[in-house]
Amino acid sequence: MSAVLFGSISSVADTSELQRDAFNRAFAAHGLGWRWDRDQYRDMLDTSGGRNRIAEHARSLGQVVDAQAVHDTKSTLFQQSLSTARLSPRPGVVDTIKAARAKGWKVGLVTSTSHANVVALLDSLAPAVQADDFDVVVDADSVARPKPEPDAYIFAVGSLSQQPGECVAVEDNLGGVHAARSADVPCVAFPNENTAGHDFGGTRVVERLDFEDLTSASGQ
């Protein structure tokens, strides 16, 4: 193993509740009268893509909405929240990045979120975790097909001049796990507070990252 790939911004810092709050405030801003509670939102996290969740929810209610416009508002509100939130890296993240660097591993951030969201997150976490910690950052602009398609991982692995089996992905949601495994990248599930009850289908689940533990992930 020679590379660790953090698979979403919530694999680095748990932003799940900030995101749910941003969705609900965006709904209010667009006069939709929707509110996603935690149980409802947890169920929605079985699939990837915030815009798609908005569109599907509208269809389930027989409503027509501009899902992209609502999602754009949500993203703006989420970025504003990141600028004021007192976020901390998730347990073991900083130590894992440091240990990987010390061993000569490559480190990547492989997301399907926007570049602006990535920048806002890393600005919020600096200096504990910052852009210079990553040899590659993949975001929504990097590939044509988002997760759960494997494109983001294929792009990251190629950019690092690695083979898929030489990497290990750290994912917090089912769509991300599927994307990693579809790209033949070994994966460890590191659920956030809203995906902790999900069934990751045999993928090893950890509550805290440990670099030495990740080195055995290729044996899954």
C-alpha atoms as a PDB file:
ATOM      1  CA  MET A   1       0.000   0.000   0.000  1.00  0.00           C
ATOM      2  CA  SER A   2       1.307   3.430  -0.853  1.00  0.00           C
ATOM      3  CA  ALA A   3      -1.613   5.895  -0.913  1.00  0.00           C
ATOM      4  CA  VAL A   4      -4.570   6.809   1.283  1.00  0.00           C
ATOM      5  CA  LEU A   5      -7.532   8.482  -0.392  1.00  0.00           C
ATOM      6  CA  PHE A   6     -10.035  10.344   1.776  1.00  0.00           C
ATOM      7  CA  GLY A   7     -13.294   9.880  -0.053  1.00  0.00           C
ATOM      8  CA  SER A   8     -15.432  12.856   0.944  1.00  0.00           C
ATOM      9  CA  ILE A   9     -15.235  16.030   2.956  1.00  0.00           C
ATOM     10  CA  SER A  10     -17.115  14.274   5.776  1.00  0.00           C
ATOM     11  CA  SER A  11     -14.415  11.621   5.934  1.00  0.00           C
ATOM     12  CA  VAL A  12     -12.104  14.453   7.040  1.00  0.00           C
ATOM     13  CA  ALA A  13     -14.488  16.499   9.211  1.00  0.00           C
ATOM     14  CA  ASP A  14     -18.072  15.560  10.024  1.00  0.00           C
ATOM     15  CA  THR A  15     -20.137  18.126   8.151  1.00  0.00           C
ATOM     16  CA  SER A  16     -23.279  16.026   7.777  1.00  0.00           C
ATOM     17  CA  GLU A  17     -25.487  18.025  10.120  1.00  0.00           C
ATOM     18  CA  LEU A  18     -24.224  21.318   8.692  1.00  0.00           C
ATOM     19  CA  GLN A  19     -25.267  20.039   5.284  1.00  0.00           C
ATOM     20  CA  ARG A  20     -28.742  19.015   6.461  1.00  0.00           C
ATOM     21  CA  ASP A  21     -29.218  22.436   8.031  1.00  0.00           C
ATOM     22  CA  ALA A  22     -28.127  24.106   4.783  1.00  0.00           C
ATOM     23  CA  PHE A  23     -30.652  22.028   2.815  1.00  0.00           C
ATOM     24  CA  ASN A  24     -33.458  23.068   5.149  1.00  0.00           C
ATOM     25  CA  ARG A  25     -32.519  26.746   4.999  1.00  0.00           C
ATOM     26  CA  ALA A  26     -32.345  26.543   1.197  1.00  0.00           C
ATOM     27  CA  PHE A  27     -35.833  25.033   1.123  1.00  0.00           C
ATOM     28  CA  ALA A  28     -37.092  27.947   3.214  1.00  0.00           C
ATOM     29  CA  ALA A  29     -35.346  30.462   0.966  1.00  0.00           C
ATOM     30  CA  HIS A  30     -37.115  28.983  -2.059  1.00  0.00           C
ATOM     31  CA  GLY A  31     -40.484  28.890  -0.311  1.00  0.00           C
ATOM     32  CA  LEU A  32     -40.817  25.121  -0.534  1.00  0.00           C
ATOM     33  CA  GLY A  33     -42.136  24.392   2.953  1.00  0.00           C
ATOM     34  CA  TRP A  34     -39.957  21.277   3.229  1.00  0.00           C
ATOM     35  CA  ARG A  35     -37.911  20.206   6.215  1.00  0.00           C
ATOM     36  CA  TRP A  36     -35.746  17.093   6.315  1.00  0.00           C
ATOM     37  CA  ASP A  37     -35.458  15.699   9.832  1.00  0.00           C
ATOM     38  CA  ARG A  38     -32.504  13.521  10.809  1.00  0.00           C
ATOM     39  CA  ASP A  39     -34.218  10.185  10.276  1.00  0.00           C
ATOM     40  CA  GLN A  40     -35.423  11.206   6.830  1.00  0.00           C
ATOM     41  CA  TYR A  41     -32.019  12.606   5.889  1.00  0.00           C
ATOM     42  CA  ARG A  42     -30.215   9.480   7.082  1.00  0.00           C
ATOM     43  CA  ASP A  43     -32.349   7.377   4.769  1.00  0.00           C
ATOM     44  CA  MET A  44     -31.544   9.686   1.852  1.00  0.00           C
ATOM     45  CA  LEU A  45     -27.807   9.244   2.382  1.00  0.00           C
ATOM     46  CA  ASP A  46     -28.066   5.730   0.931  1.00  0.00           C
ATOM     47  CA  THR A  47     -27.525   7.473  -2.417  1.00  0.00           C
ATOM     48  CA  SER A  48     -25.090  10.160  -3.542  1.00  0.00           C
ATOM     49  CA  GLY A  49     -25.779  13.624  -4.875  1.00  0.00           C
ATOM     50  CA  GLY A  50     -27.587  16.482  -3.157  1.00  0.00           C
ATOM     51  CA  ARG A  51     -29.200  17.829  -6.326  1.00  0.00           C
ATOM     52  CA  ASN A  52     -30.556  14.375  -7.121  1.00  0.00           C
ATOM     53  CA  ARG A  53     -32.000  14.083  -3.604  1.00  0.00           C
ATOM     54  CA  ILE A  54     -33.841  17.381  -4.060  1.00  0.00           C
ATOM     55  CA  ALA A  55     -35.214  16.328  -7.440  1.00  0.00           C
ATOM     56  CA  GLU A  56     -36.310  12.923  -6.156  1.00  0.00           C
ATOM     57  CA  HIS A  57     -37.994  14.444  -3.115  1.00  0.00           C
ATOM     58  CA  ALA A  58     -39.901  16.858  -5.358  1.00  0.00           C
ATOM     59  CA  ARG A  59     -41.029  13.977  -7.574  1.00  0.00           C
ATOM     60  CA  SER A  60     -42.210  12.015  -4.525  1.00  0.00           C
ATOM     61  CA  LEU A  61     -44.415  14.981  -3.592  1.00  0.00           C
ATOM     62  CA  GLY A  62     -45.653  15.575  -7.135  1.00  0.00           C
ATOM     63  CA  GLN A  63     -43.941  18.972  -7.240  1.00  0.00           C
ATOM     64  CA  VAL A  64     -41.807  20.609  -9.904  1.00  0.00           C
ATOM     65  CA  VAL A  65     -38.783  22.527  -8.606  1.00  0.00           C
ATOM     66  CA  ASP A  66     -35.529  23.844 -10.021  1.00  0.00           C
ATOM     67  CA  ALA A  67     -33.348  21.336  -8.166  1.00  0.00           C
ATOM     68  CA  GLN A  68     -30.132  22.931  -9.400  1.00  0.00           C
ATOM     69  CA  ALA A  69     -31.126  26.385  -8.136  1.00  0.00           C
ATOM     70  CA  VAL A  70     -32.113  25.000  -4.742  1.00  0.00           C
ATOM     71  CA  HIS A  71     -28.871  23.053  -4.530  1.00  0.00           C
ATOM     72  CA  ASP A  72     -26.844  26.142  -5.486  1.00  0.00           C
ATOM     73  CA  THR A  73     -28.477  28.018  -2.603  1.00  0.00           C
ATOM     74  CA  LYS A  74     -27.767  25.099  -0.283  1.00  0.00           C
ATOM     75  CA  SER A  75     -24.092  25.136  -1.303  1.00  0.00           C
ATOM     76  CA  THR A  76     -23.768  28.865  -0.616  1.00  0.00           C
ATOM     77  CA  LEU A  77     -25.367  28.465   2.811  1.00  0.00           C
ATOM     78  CA  PHE A  78     -23.185  25.466   3.599  1.00  0.00           C
ATOM     79  CA  GLN A  79     -20.024  27.367   2.715  1.00  0.00           C
ATOM     80  CA  GLN A  80     -21.128  30.238   4.934  1.00  0.00           C
ATOM     81  CA  SER A  81     -21.654  27.773   7.783  1.00  0.00           C
ATOM     82  CA  LEU A  82     -18.173  26.340   7.295  1.00  0.00           C
ATOM     83  CA  SER A  83     -16.681  29.816   7.603  1.00  0.00           C
ATOM     84  CA  THR A  84     -18.119  30.232  11.116  1.00  0.00           C
ATOM     85  CA  ALA A  85     -18.316  26.653  12.427  1.00  0.00           C
ATOM     86  CA  ARG A  86     -15.761  25.393  14.889  1.00  0.00           C
ATOM     87  CA  LEU A  87     -14.917  22.250  12.989  1.00  0.00           C
ATOM     88  CA  SER A  88     -12.303  19.720  14.012  1.00  0.00           C
ATOM     89  CA  PRO A  89     -10.804  16.872  11.994  1.00  0.00           C
ATOM     90  CA  ARG A  90     -12.408  13.515  12.701  1.00  0.00           C
ATOM     91  CA  PRO A  91     -10.688  11.098  15.117  1.00  0.00           C
ATOM     92  CA  GLY A  92      -7.377   9.878  13.774  1.00  0.00           C
ATOM     93  CA  VAL A  93      -7.409  11.925  10.576  1.00  0.00           C
ATOM     94  CA  VAL A  94      -4.495  14.223  11.424  1.00  0.00           C
ATOM     95  CA  ASP A  95      -2.364  11.381  12.789  1.00  0.00           C
ATOM     96  CA  THR A  96      -3.130   9.248   9.730  1.00  0.00           C
ATOM     97  CA  ILE A  97      -2.072  12.000   7.337  1.00  0.00           C
ATOM     98  CA  LYS A  98       1.143  12.578   9.300  1.00  0.00           C
ATOM     99  CA  ALA A  99       1.951   8.861   9.468  1.00  0.00           C
ATOM    100  CA  ALA A 100       1.255   8.406   5.765  1.00  0.00           C
ATOM    101  CA  ARG A 101       3.569  11.280   4.934  1.00  0.00           C
ATOM    102  CA  ALA A 102       6.281   9.904   7.203  1.00  0.00           C
ATOM    103  CA  LYS A 103       6.091   6.549   5.391  1.00  0.00           C
ATOM    104  CA  GLY A 104       6.286   8.193   1.976  1.00  0.00           C
ATOM    105  CA  TRP A 105       2.641   7.484   1.082  1.00  0.00           C
ATOM    106  CA  LYS A 106       0.640   9.727  -1.210  1.00  0.00           C
ATOM    107  CA  VAL A 107      -2.487  11.344   0.265  1.00  0.00           C
ATOM    108  CA  GLY A 108      -5.563  12.306  -1.726  1.00  0.00           C
ATOM    109  CA  LEU A 109      -8.994  13.846  -1.250  1.00  0.00           C
ATOM    110  CA  VAL A 110     -11.453  12.270  -3.684  1.00  0.00           C
ATOM    111  CA  THR A 111     -14.879  13.920  -3.570  1.00  0.00           C
ATOM    112  CA  SER A 112     -17.895  14.583  -5.758  1.00  0.00           C
ATOM    113  CA  THR A 113     -18.611  17.913  -4.096  1.00  0.00           C
ATOM    114  CA  SER A 114     -17.823  21.316  -5.560  1.00  0.00           C
ATOM    115  CA  HIS A 115     -14.398  22.925  -5.564  1.00  0.00           C
ATOM    116  CA  ALA A 116     -15.854  25.780  -3.500  1.00  0.00           C
ATOM    117  CA  ASN A 117     -17.019  23.351  -0.809  1.00  0.00           C
ATOM    118  CA  VAL A 118     -13.567  21.765  -0.647  1.00  0.00           C
ATOM    119  CA  VAL A 119     -11.892  25.158  -0.313  1.00  0.00           C
ATOM    120  CA  ALA A 120     -14.343  26.233   2.398  1.00  0.00           C
ATOM    121  CA  LEU A 121     -13.770  23.034   4.365  1.00  0.00           C
ATOM    122  CA  LEU A 122      -9.980  23.239   4.229  1.00  0.00           C
ATOM    123  CA  ASP A 123     -10.042  26.937   5.124  1.00  0.00           C
ATOM    124  CA  SER A 124     -12.118  26.016   8.177  1.00  0.00           C
ATOM    125  CA  LEU A 125      -9.779  23.201   9.257  1.00  0.00           C
ATOM    126  CA  ALA A 126      -6.437  24.923   8.643  1.00  0.00           C
ATOM    127  CA  PRO A 127      -3.801  24.517   9.903  1.00  0.00           C
ATOM    128  CA  ALA A 128      -4.758  21.083  11.268  1.00  0.00           C
ATOM    129  CA  VAL A 129      -5.644  19.889   7.756  1.00  0.00           C
ATOM    130  CA  GLN A 130      -4.930  21.999   4.696  1.00  0.00           C
ATOM    131  CA  ALA A 131      -4.615  21.796   0.927  1.00  0.00           C
ATOM    132  CA  ASP A 132      -0.862  21.139   1.056  1.00  0.00           C
ATOM    133  CA  ASP A 133      -1.540  17.859   2.873  1.00  0.00           C
ATOM    134  CA  PHE A 134      -2.969  16.356  -0.320  1.00  0.00           C
ATOM    135  CA  ASP A 135      -1.091  15.249  -3.422  1.00  0.00           C
ATOM    136  CA  VAL A 136      -4.333  15.248  -5.402  1.00  0.00           C
ATOM    137  CA  VAL A 137      -7.742  16.796  -4.789  1.00  0.00           C
ATOM    138  CA  VAL A 138     -10.632  15.543  -6.904  1.00  0.00           C
ATOM    139  CA  ASP A 139     -13.880  17.520  -6.934  1.00  0.00           C
ATOM    140  CA  ALA A 140     -17.018  17.844  -9.062  1.00  0.00           C
ATOM    141  CA  ASP A 141     -15.098  19.612 -11.832  1.00  0.00           C
ATOM    142  CA  SER A 142     -12.531  16.822 -12.205  1.00  0.00           C
ATOM    143  CA  VAL A 143     -14.685  14.123 -13.815  1.00  0.00           C
ATOM    144  CA  ALA A 144     -17.867  13.901 -15.850  1.00  0.00           C
ATOM    145  CA  ARG A 145     -19.625  11.287 -13.718  1.00  0.00           C
ATOM    146  CA  PRO A 146     -19.890  11.716  -9.937  1.00  0.00           C
ATOM    147  CA  LYS A 147     -19.975   8.947  -7.366  1.00  0.00           C
ATOM    148  CA  PRO A 148     -21.238   6.238  -7.152  1.00  0.00           C
ATOM    149  CA  GLU A 149     -19.530   5.928 -10.546  1.00  0.00           C
ATOM    150  CA  PRO A 150     -15.823   5.039 -10.197  1.00  0.00           C
ATOM    151  CA  ASP A 151     -14.495   7.965 -12.259  1.00  0.00           C
ATOM    152  CA  ALA A 152     -13.245  10.065  -9.332  1.00  0.00           C
ATOM    153  CA  TYR A 153     -11.129   7.203  -8.019  1.00  0.00           C
ATOM    154  CA  ILE A 154      -9.850   6.254 -11.453  1.00  0.00           C
ATOM    155  CA  PHE A 155      -8.801   9.891 -11.932  1.00  0.00           C
ATOM    156  CA  ALA A 156      -7.087  10.071  -8.527  1.00  0.00           C
ATOM    157  CA  VAL A 157      -5.216   6.783  -8.924  1.00  0.00           C
ATOM    158  CA  GLY A 158      -3.968   7.804 -12.365  1.00  0.00           C
ATOM    159  CA  SER A 159      -2.942  11.268 -11.170  1.00  0.00           C
ATOM    160  CA  LEU A 160      -0.834   9.686  -8.428  1.00  0.00           C
ATOM    161  CA  SER A 161       0.697   7.133 -10.844  1.00  0.00           C
ATOM    162  CA  GLN A 162      -0.496   4.317  -8.586  1.00  0.00           C
ATOM    163  CA  GLN A 163      -2.300   1.043  -9.141  1.00  0.00           C
ATOM    164  CA  PRO A 164      -5.766   0.692  -7.542  1.00  0.00           C
ATOM    165  CA  GLY A 165      -4.591  -2.085  -5.234  1.00  0.00           C
ATOM    166  CA  GLU A 166      -1.791   0.130  -3.921  1.00  0.00           C
ATOM    167  CA  CYS A 167      -4.334   2.582  -2.492  1.00  0.00           C
ATOM    168  CA  VAL A 168      -6.876   2.491   0.309  1.00  0.00           C
ATOM    169  CA  ALA A 169     -10.010   4.647   0.316  1.00  0.00           C
ATOM    170  CA  VAL A 170     -11.680   6.035   3.425  1.00  0.00           C
ATOM    171  CA  GLU A 171     -15.393   6.603   2.765  1.00  0.00           C
ATOM    172  CA  ASP A 172     -18.251   7.757   4.970  1.00  0.00           C
ATOM    173  CA  ASN A 173     -21.207   6.772   2.776  1.00  0.00           C
ATOM    174  CA  LEU A 174     -22.501   3.923   0.637  1.00  0.00           C
ATOM    175  CA  GLY A 175     -22.167   5.721  -2.683  1.00  0.00           C
ATOM    176  CA  GLY A 176     -18.520   6.448  -1.977  1.00  0.00           C
ATOM    177  CA  VAL A 177     -17.823   2.858  -0.951  1.00  0.00           C
ATOM    178  CA  HIS A 178     -19.420   1.647  -4.176  1.00  0.00           C
ATOM    179  CA  ALA A 179     -17.332   4.098  -6.215  1.00  0.00           C
ATOM    180  CA  ALA A 180     -14.073   2.949  -4.612  1.00  0.00           C
ATOM    181  CA  ARG A 181     -14.821  -0.727  -4.979  1.00  0.00           C
ATOM    182  CA  SER A 182     -15.953  -0.269  -8.589  1.00  0.00           C
ATOM    183  CA  ALA A 183     -12.534   1.255  -9.256  1.00  0.00           C
ATOM    184  CA  ASP A 184     -10.873  -1.772  -7.553  1.00  0.00           C
ATOM    185  CA  VAL A 185      -9.604   0.419  -4.720  1.00  0.00           C
ATOM    186  CA  PRO A 186      -9.731  -1.298  -1.283  1.00  0.00           C
ATOM    187  CA  CYS A 187     -11.989   0.650   1.040  1.00  0.00           C
ATOM    188  CA  VAL A 188     -12.615   1.218   4.737  1.00  0.00           C
ATOM    189  CA  ALA A 189     -15.949   2.680   5.863  1.00  0.00           C
ATOM    190  CA  PHE A 190     -15.648   5.564   8.324  1.00  0.00           C
ATOM    191  CA  PRO A 191     -19.305   6.560   8.851  1.00  0.00           C
ATOM    192  CA  ASN A 192     -20.297  10.056   9.862  1.00  0.00           C
ATOM    193  CA  GLU A 193     -22.942  10.763  12.483  1.00  0.00           C
ATOM    194  CA  ASN A 194     -25.754  10.369   9.953  1.00  0.00           C
ATOM    195  CA  THR A 195     -24.465   7.243   8.166  1.00  0.00           C
ATOM    196  CA  ALA A 196     -23.391   5.321  11.264  1.00  0.00           C
ATOM    197  CA  GLY A 197     -26.413   3.026  11.058  1.00  0.00           C
ATOM    198  CA  HIS A 198     -25.975   2.114   7.396  1.00  0.00           C
ATOM    199  CA  ASP A 199     -25.158  -1.388   6.193  1.00  0.00           C
ATOM    200  CA  PHE A 200     -21.851  -1.159   4.338  1.00  0.00           C
ATOM    201  CA  GLY A 201     -22.207  -4.633   2.888  1.00  0.00           C
ATOM    202  CA  GLY A 202     -19.143  -6.358   4.272  1.00  0.00           C
ATOM    203  CA  THR A 203     -16.793  -3.367   4.002  1.00  0.00           C
ATOM    204  CA  ARG A 204     -14.777  -3.018   7.193  1.00  0.00           C
ATOM    205  CA  VAL A 205     -16.186  -0.247   9.393  1.00  0.00           C
ATOM    206  CA  VAL A 206     -14.023   1.830  11.754  1.00  0.00           C
ATOM    207  CA  GLU A 207     -14.932   4.509  14.293  1.00  0.00           C
ATOM    208  CA  ARG A 208     -11.447   6.026  14.348  1.00  0.00           C
ATOM    209  CA  LEU A 209      -8.741   6.083  11.710  1.00  0.00           C
ATOM    210  CA  ASP A 210      -5.457   4.364  12.446  1.00  0.00           C
ATOM    211  CA  PHE A 211      -2.685   4.345   9.875  1.00  0.00           C
ATOM    212  CA  GLU A 212      -1.380   0.909  10.803  1.00  0.00           C
ATOM    213  CA  ASP A 213      -4.888  -0.510  10.500  1.00  0.00           C
ATOM    214  CA  LEU A 214      -5.257   0.953   7.014  1.00  0.00           C
ATOM    215  CA  THR A 215      -2.173  -0.873   5.794  1.00  0.00           C
ATOM    216  CA  SER A 216      -4.071  -4.158   6.086  1.00  0.00           C
ATOM    217  CA  ALA A 217      -7.037  -2.971   4.036  1.00  0.00           C
ATOM    218  CA  SER A 218      -5.746  -4.622   0.860  1.00  0.00           C
ATOM    219  CA  GLY A 219      -6.471  -7.964   2.493  1.00  0.00           C
ATOM    220  CA  GLN A 220     -10.259  -7.426   2.429  1.00  0.00           C
END
